[in-house]
C-alpha atoms as a PDB file:
ATOM      1  CA  MET A   1     -16.868   4.926  14.176  1.00  0.00           C
ATOM      2  CA  GLU A   2     -13.491   3.275  14.066  1.00  0.00           C
ATOM      3  CA  LYS A   3     -10.095   5.027  13.986  1.00  0.00           C
ATOM      4  CA  THR A   4      -6.901   3.556  12.599  1.00  0.00           C
ATOM      5  CA  THR A   5      -3.604   4.618  11.078  1.00  0.00           C
ATOM      6  CA  ALA A   6      -3.436   3.608   7.423  1.00  0.00           C
ATOM      7  CA  THR A   7      -1.478   4.144   4.216  1.00  0.00           C
ATOM      8  CA  LEU A   8      -3.364   4.938   1.022  1.00  0.00           C
ATOM      9  CA  VAL A   9      -2.406   2.276  -1.528  1.00  0.00           C
ATOM     10  CA  ARG A  10      -4.961   2.710  -4.352  1.00  0.00           C
ATOM     11  CA  ARG A  11      -7.830   4.922  -5.383  1.00  0.00           C
ATOM     12  CA  THR A  12     -10.393   4.674  -8.164  1.00  0.00           C
ATOM     13  CA  ALA A  13     -13.375   6.716  -9.253  1.00  0.00           C
ATOM     14  CA  LEU A  14     -16.737   5.424  -8.040  1.00  0.00           C
ATOM     15  CA  THR A  15     -19.035   8.170  -9.304  1.00  0.00           C
ATOM     16  CA  GLU A  16     -18.595  11.684 -10.642  1.00  0.00           C
ATOM     17  CA  THR A  17     -18.034  12.921  -7.101  1.00  0.00           C
ATOM     18  CA  SER A  18     -16.859   9.904  -5.044  1.00  0.00           C
ATOM     19  CA  LEU A  19     -13.767   7.714  -4.825  1.00  0.00           C
ATOM     20  CA  ILE A  20     -13.041   4.176  -3.679  1.00  0.00           C
ATOM     21  CA  VAL A  21      -9.921   4.403  -1.529  1.00  0.00           C
ATOM     22  CA  HIS A  22      -7.870   1.319  -0.599  1.00  0.00           C
ATOM     23  CA  TRP A  23      -5.849   1.442   2.603  1.00  0.00           C
ATOM     24  CA  CYS A  24      -3.262  -0.707   4.325  1.00  0.00           C
ATOM     25  CA  SER A  25      -3.737  -0.553   8.088  1.00  0.00           C
ATOM     26  CA  LYS A  26      -1.961  -2.311  10.929  1.00  0.00           C
ATOM     27  CA  GLU A  27      -5.156  -3.175  12.807  1.00  0.00           C
ATOM     28  CA  CYS A  28      -7.592  -3.584   9.882  1.00  0.00           C
ATOM     29  CA  GLY A  29      -5.331  -4.949   7.139  1.00  0.00           C
ATOM     30  CA  LEU A  30      -6.227  -4.125   3.546  1.00  0.00           C
ATOM     31  CA  ILE A  31      -9.522  -2.249   3.574  1.00  0.00           C
ATOM     32  CA  LYS A  32     -11.635  -0.331   1.077  1.00  0.00           C
ATOM     33  CA  THR A  33     -13.533   2.842   1.852  1.00  0.00           C
ATOM     34  CA  VAL A  34     -15.766   5.132  -0.142  1.00  0.00           C
ATOM     35  CA  ALA A  35     -14.915   8.818   0.137  1.00  0.00           C
ATOM     36  CA  LYS A  36     -18.249  10.426  -0.680  1.00  0.00           C
ATOM     37  CA  GLY A  37     -17.930  13.768  -2.437  1.00  0.00           C
ATOM     38  CA  ALA A  38     -14.123  13.584  -2.534  1.00  0.00           C
ATOM     39  CA  ARG A  39     -13.998  14.730  -6.177  1.00  0.00           C
ATOM     40  CA  ARG A  40     -16.276  17.701  -5.550  1.00  0.00           C
ATOM     41  CA  PRO A  41     -14.712  21.193  -5.403  1.00  0.00           C
ATOM     42  CA  GLY A  42     -14.325  22.274  -1.792  1.00  0.00           C
ATOM     43  CA  SER A  43     -14.528  18.728  -0.452  1.00  0.00           C
ATOM     44  CA  PRO A  44     -13.077  18.209   3.046  1.00  0.00           C
ATOM     45  CA  PHE A  45     -11.015  15.407   1.434  1.00  0.00           C
ATOM     46  CA  ALA A  46      -9.451  17.737  -1.179  1.00  0.00           C
ATOM     47  CA  GLY A  47      -5.673  17.258  -1.316  1.00  0.00           C
ATOM     48  CA  LYS A  48      -5.716  14.565   1.365  1.00  0.00           C
ATOM     49  CA  LEU A  49      -6.270  11.422  -0.724  1.00  0.00           C
ATOM     50  CA  ASP A  50      -3.017  10.859  -2.578  1.00  0.00           C
ATOM     51  CA  LEU A  51      -1.061   7.646  -3.044  1.00  0.00           C
ATOM     52  CA  PHE A  52       1.228   6.568  -0.230  1.00  0.00           C
ATOM     53  CA  TYR A  53      -0.062   9.182   2.224  1.00  0.00           C
ATOM     54  CA  GLU A  54      -0.141   7.881   5.774  1.00  0.00           C
ATOM     55  CA  ALA A  55      -3.136   9.153   7.709  1.00  0.00           C
ATOM     56  CA  GLU A  56      -5.243   8.594  10.748  1.00  0.00           C
ATOM     57  CA  ILE A  57      -8.616   7.705   9.303  1.00  0.00           C
ATOM     58  CA  GLU A  58     -12.114   7.457  10.730  1.00  0.00           C
ATOM     59  CA  LEU A  59     -14.418   4.995   9.052  1.00  0.00           C
ATOM     60  CA  VAL A  60     -17.817   3.468   9.516  1.00  0.00           C
ATOM     61  CA  ARG A  61     -17.880  -0.240   8.750  1.00  0.00           C
ATOM     62  CA  SER A  62     -20.524  -1.499   6.356  1.00  0.00           C
ATOM     63  CA  ARG A  63     -22.745  -4.319   7.564  1.00  0.00           C
ATOM     64  CA  LYS A  64     -23.471  -5.496   4.023  1.00  0.00           C
ATOM     65  CA  SER A  65     -20.179  -5.344   2.111  1.00  0.00           C
ATOM     66  CA  ASP A  66     -16.433  -4.839   2.312  1.00  0.00           C
ATOM     67  CA  LEU A  67     -16.791  -1.210   1.174  1.00  0.00           C
ATOM     68  CA  HIS A  68     -16.804   0.993   4.261  1.00  0.00           C
ATOM     69  CA  THR A  69     -17.464   4.741   4.551  1.00  0.00           C
ATOM     70  CA  LEU A  70     -14.554   7.129   5.103  1.00  0.00           C
ATOM     71  CA  LYS A  71     -15.700   9.886   7.457  1.00  0.00           C
ATOM     72  CA  ASP A  72     -12.542  11.865   8.190  1.00  0.00           C
ATOM     73  CA  LEU A  73      -8.770  11.748   7.995  1.00  0.00           C
ATOM     74  CA  ALA A  74      -5.700  13.593   9.207  1.00  0.00           C
ATOM     75  CA  ILE A  75      -2.472  13.344   7.192  1.00  0.00           C
ATOM     76  CA  LEU A  76       0.499  12.063   9.196  1.00  0.00           C
ATOM     77  CA  LYS A  77       3.055  11.679   6.356  1.00  0.00           C
ATOM     78  CA  SER A  78       2.763  12.847   2.775  1.00  0.00           C
ATOM     79  CA  ARG A  79       5.902  11.087   1.487  1.00  0.00           C
ATOM     80  CA  LEU A  80       6.443  13.605  -1.312  1.00  0.00           C
ATOM     81  CA  GLY A  81       9.875  12.097  -2.033  1.00  0.00           C
ATOM     82  CA  LEU A  82       8.146   9.160  -3.693  1.00  0.00           C
ATOM     83  CA  ARG A  83       7.111  11.507  -6.500  1.00  0.00           C
ATOM     84  CA  GLN A  84      10.636  12.707  -7.304  1.00  0.00           C
ATOM     85  CA  SER A  85      11.158  10.130 -10.029  1.00  0.00           C
ATOM     86  CA  TYR A  86       9.276   7.460 -11.911  1.00  0.00           C
ATOM     87  CA  VAL A  87      11.555   4.771 -10.432  1.00  0.00           C
ATOM     88  CA  GLN A  88      10.676   5.870  -6.868  1.00  0.00           C
ATOM     89  CA  THR A  89       6.962   5.630  -7.651  1.00  0.00           C
ATOM     90  CA  LEU A  90       7.419   2.320  -9.495  1.00  0.00           C
ATOM     91  CA  ALA A  91       9.259   0.788  -6.526  1.00  0.00           C
ATOM     92  CA  ALA A  92       6.587   1.964  -4.087  1.00  0.00           C
ATOM     93  CA  SER A  93       3.873   0.587  -6.381  1.00  0.00           C
ATOM     94  CA  TYR A  94       5.649  -2.764  -6.609  1.00  0.00           C
ATOM     95  CA  PHE A  95       5.845  -3.043  -2.822  1.00  0.00           C
ATOM     96  CA  VAL A  96       2.129  -2.263  -2.521  1.00  0.00           C
ATOM     97  CA  LYS A  97       1.169  -4.748  -5.270  1.00  0.00           C
ATOM     98  CA  LEU A  98       3.291  -7.451  -3.647  1.00  0.00           C
ATOM     99  CA  LEU A  99       1.632  -6.850  -0.295  1.00  0.00           C
ATOM    100  CA  ASP A 100      -1.788  -6.900  -1.966  1.00  0.00           C
ATOM    101  CA  LEU A 101      -0.895 -10.274  -3.505  1.00  0.00           C
ATOM    102  CA  VAL A 102       0.043 -11.956  -0.234  1.00  0.00           C
ATOM    103  CA  ALA A 103      -2.321 -10.399   2.336  1.00  0.00           C
ATOM    104  CA  GLU A 104      -5.940 -11.324   2.973  1.00  0.00           C
ATOM    105  CA  PRO A 105      -8.384  -8.403   2.931  1.00  0.00           C
ATOM    106  CA  GLU A 106      -9.533  -7.074   6.304  1.00  0.00           C
ATOM    107  CA  THR A 107      -7.120  -9.237   8.280  1.00  0.00           C
ATOM    108  CA  PRO A 108      -4.721  -7.534  10.729  1.00  0.00           C
ATOM    109  CA  ILE A 109      -1.221  -7.533   9.216  1.00  0.00           C
ATOM    110  CA  MET A 110       0.886  -5.738  11.807  1.00  0.00           C
ATOM    111  CA  ASP A 111       4.297  -6.982  10.624  1.00  0.00           C
ATOM    112  CA  LEU A 112       3.483  -6.537   6.927  1.00  0.00           C
ATOM    113  CA  TRP A 113       2.124  -3.030   7.542  1.00  0.00           C
ATOM    114  CA  ASP A 114       5.326  -2.156   9.369  1.00  0.00           C
ATOM    115  CA  LEU A 115       7.460  -3.572   6.526  1.00  0.00           C
ATOM    116  CA  LEU A 116       5.528  -1.582   3.912  1.00  0.00           C
ATOM    117  CA  ASN A 117       5.785   1.654   5.877  1.00  0.00           C
ATOM    118  CA  ARG A 118       9.502   1.215   6.505  1.00  0.00           C
ATOM    119  CA  ALA A 119       9.988   0.626   2.768  1.00  0.00           C
ATOM    120  CA  LEU A 120       7.915   3.675   1.795  1.00  0.00           C
ATOM    121  CA  ASP A 121       9.736   5.835   4.355  1.00  0.00           C
ATOM    122  CA  TYR A 122      13.070   4.637   2.942  1.00  0.00           C
ATOM    123  CA  LEU A 123      12.006   5.468  -0.626  1.00  0.00           C
ATOM    124  CA  ASP A 124      10.764   8.856   0.546  1.00  0.00           C
ATOM    125  CA  LYS A 125      14.286   9.803   1.617  1.00  0.00           C
ATOM    126  CA  SER A 126      16.583   7.653  -0.554  1.00  0.00           C
ATOM    127  CA  PRO A 127      16.737   6.681  -4.220  1.00  0.00           C
ATOM    128  CA  ALA A 128      15.252   3.312  -5.108  1.00  0.00           C
ATOM    129  CA  ASP A 129      17.899   0.630  -5.475  1.00  0.00           C
ATOM    130  CA  LEU A 130      18.175  -3.106  -6.072  1.00  0.00           C
ATOM    131  CA  ARG A 131      19.280  -3.691  -2.488  1.00  0.00           C
ATOM    132  CA  ALA A 132      16.017  -2.214  -1.135  1.00  0.00           C
ATOM    133  CA  LEU A 133      13.927  -4.322  -3.510  1.00  0.00           C
ATOM    134  CA  LEU A 134      15.693  -7.553  -2.560  1.00  0.00           C
ATOM    135  CA  HIS A 135      15.520  -6.688   1.138  1.00  0.00           C
ATOM    136  CA  PHE A 136      11.760  -6.110   0.920  1.00  0.00           C
ATOM    137  CA  GLU A 137      11.229  -9.473  -0.803  1.00  0.00           C
ATOM    138  CA  LYS A 138      13.497 -11.253   1.698  1.00  0.00           C
ATOM    139  CA  GLU A 139      11.726  -9.736   4.716  1.00  0.00           C
ATOM    140  CA  LEU A 140       8.318 -10.481   3.220  1.00  0.00           C
ATOM    141  CA  THR A 141       9.153 -14.166   2.744  1.00  0.00           C
ATOM    142  CA  ARG A 142      10.575 -14.324   6.268  1.00  0.00           C
ATOM    143  CA  LEU A 143       7.428 -12.775   7.776  1.00  0.00           C
ATOM    144  CA  LEU A 144       5.204 -15.124   5.771  1.00  0.00           C
ATOM    145  CA  GLY A 145       7.281 -18.171   6.734  1.00  0.00           C
ATOM    146  CA  LEU A 146       8.137 -18.951   3.101  1.00  0.00           C
ATOM    147  CA  THR A 147      11.932 -18.746   3.284  1.00  0.00           C
ATOM    148  CA  GLU A 148      13.729 -21.718   1.769  1.00  0.00           C
ATOM    149  CA  GLU A 149      17.479 -22.134   2.086  1.00  0.00           C
ATOM    150  CA  GLY A 150      19.246 -21.441  -1.204  1.00  0.00           C
ATOM    151  CA  ARG A 151      16.145 -20.168  -3.069  1.00  0.00           C
ATOM    152  CA  PRO A 152      15.611 -16.539  -4.026  1.00  0.00           C
ATOM    153  CA  PRO A 153      12.720 -15.040  -2.026  1.00  0.00           C
ATOM    154  CA  VAL A 154      10.946 -13.915  -5.197  1.00  0.00           C
ATOM    155  CA  ASN A 155      10.765 -17.547  -6.360  1.00  0.00           C
ATOM    156  CA  CYS A 156       9.280 -18.626  -3.022  1.00  0.00           C
ATOM    157  CA  ILE A 157       6.585 -15.950  -3.355  1.00  0.00           C
ATOM    158  CA  ALA A 158       5.867 -16.812  -7.000  1.00  0.00           C
ATOM    159  CA  ASP A 159       5.545 -20.529  -6.230  1.00  0.00           C
ATOM    160  CA  THR A 160       3.197 -19.937  -3.295  1.00  0.00           C
ATOM    161  CA  PHE A 161       0.972 -17.237  -4.800  1.00  0.00           C
ATOM    162  CA  GLY A 162       1.234 -18.174  -8.477  1.00  0.00           C
ATOM    163  CA  GLN A 163       2.654 -14.880  -9.700  1.00  0.00           C
ATOM    164  CA  ILE A 164       4.737 -11.797  -9.035  1.00  0.00           C
ATOM    165  CA  PRO A 165       3.454  -8.291  -9.826  1.00  0.00           C
ATOM    166  CA  ARG A 166       4.409  -7.278 -13.359  1.00  0.00           C
ATOM    167  CA  GLN A 167       6.068  -4.070 -12.115  1.00  0.00           C
ATOM    168  CA  ARG A 168       9.028  -6.118 -10.889  1.00  0.00           C
ATOM    169  CA  GLU A 169      10.466  -6.787 -14.333  1.00  0.00           C
ATOM    170  CA  GLU A 170      10.431  -3.113 -15.328  1.00  0.00           C
ATOM    171  CA  LEU A 171      11.774  -2.072 -11.923  1.00  0.00           C
ATOM    172  CA  ILE A 172      14.685  -4.521 -12.125  1.00  0.00           C
ATOM    173  CA  GLY A 173      15.475  -3.215 -15.619  1.00  0.00           C
ATOM    174  CA  ARG A 174      15.504   0.393 -14.450  1.00  0.00           C
ATOM    175  CA  LEU A 175      17.580  -0.347 -11.343  1.00  0.00           C
ATOM    176  CA  ALA A 176      20.220  -2.445 -13.162  1.00  0.00           C
END
């Protein structure tokens, strides 16, 4: 079994009783786990698998695929402030989607994990604003080595990765 601290960034139904849970971890990068029985009443995972929760997770790596088995978790931060408004949740989702766009699965991303968690912690306590969005994009391009003098960071990301998550346009509109 392997232990790591991770932030829950996506979850989808796998079966009537199980979930696929995507995590962002400092040591493991972007990883997927199956939470068997998580949708069953009385599951040990009940109430613990919500978006943007930071947890210490125990997983068993699969030898055959990139879908590992989640064995246990302990919540470290619930970040309930991200649910106070749609804009808070939209900003957090944009940051996660942007990270998902630029990071390779199952590759350690220590600096990117730290950036994401600082951003989520900020949004947990403060209203989303344009300054936070632009700062996240600027720091992301700096960490990836994509910064170009005189060019907006979002353009550097779009040129390198071919797109920007669609949430950005709506988020900019709501923050303006």
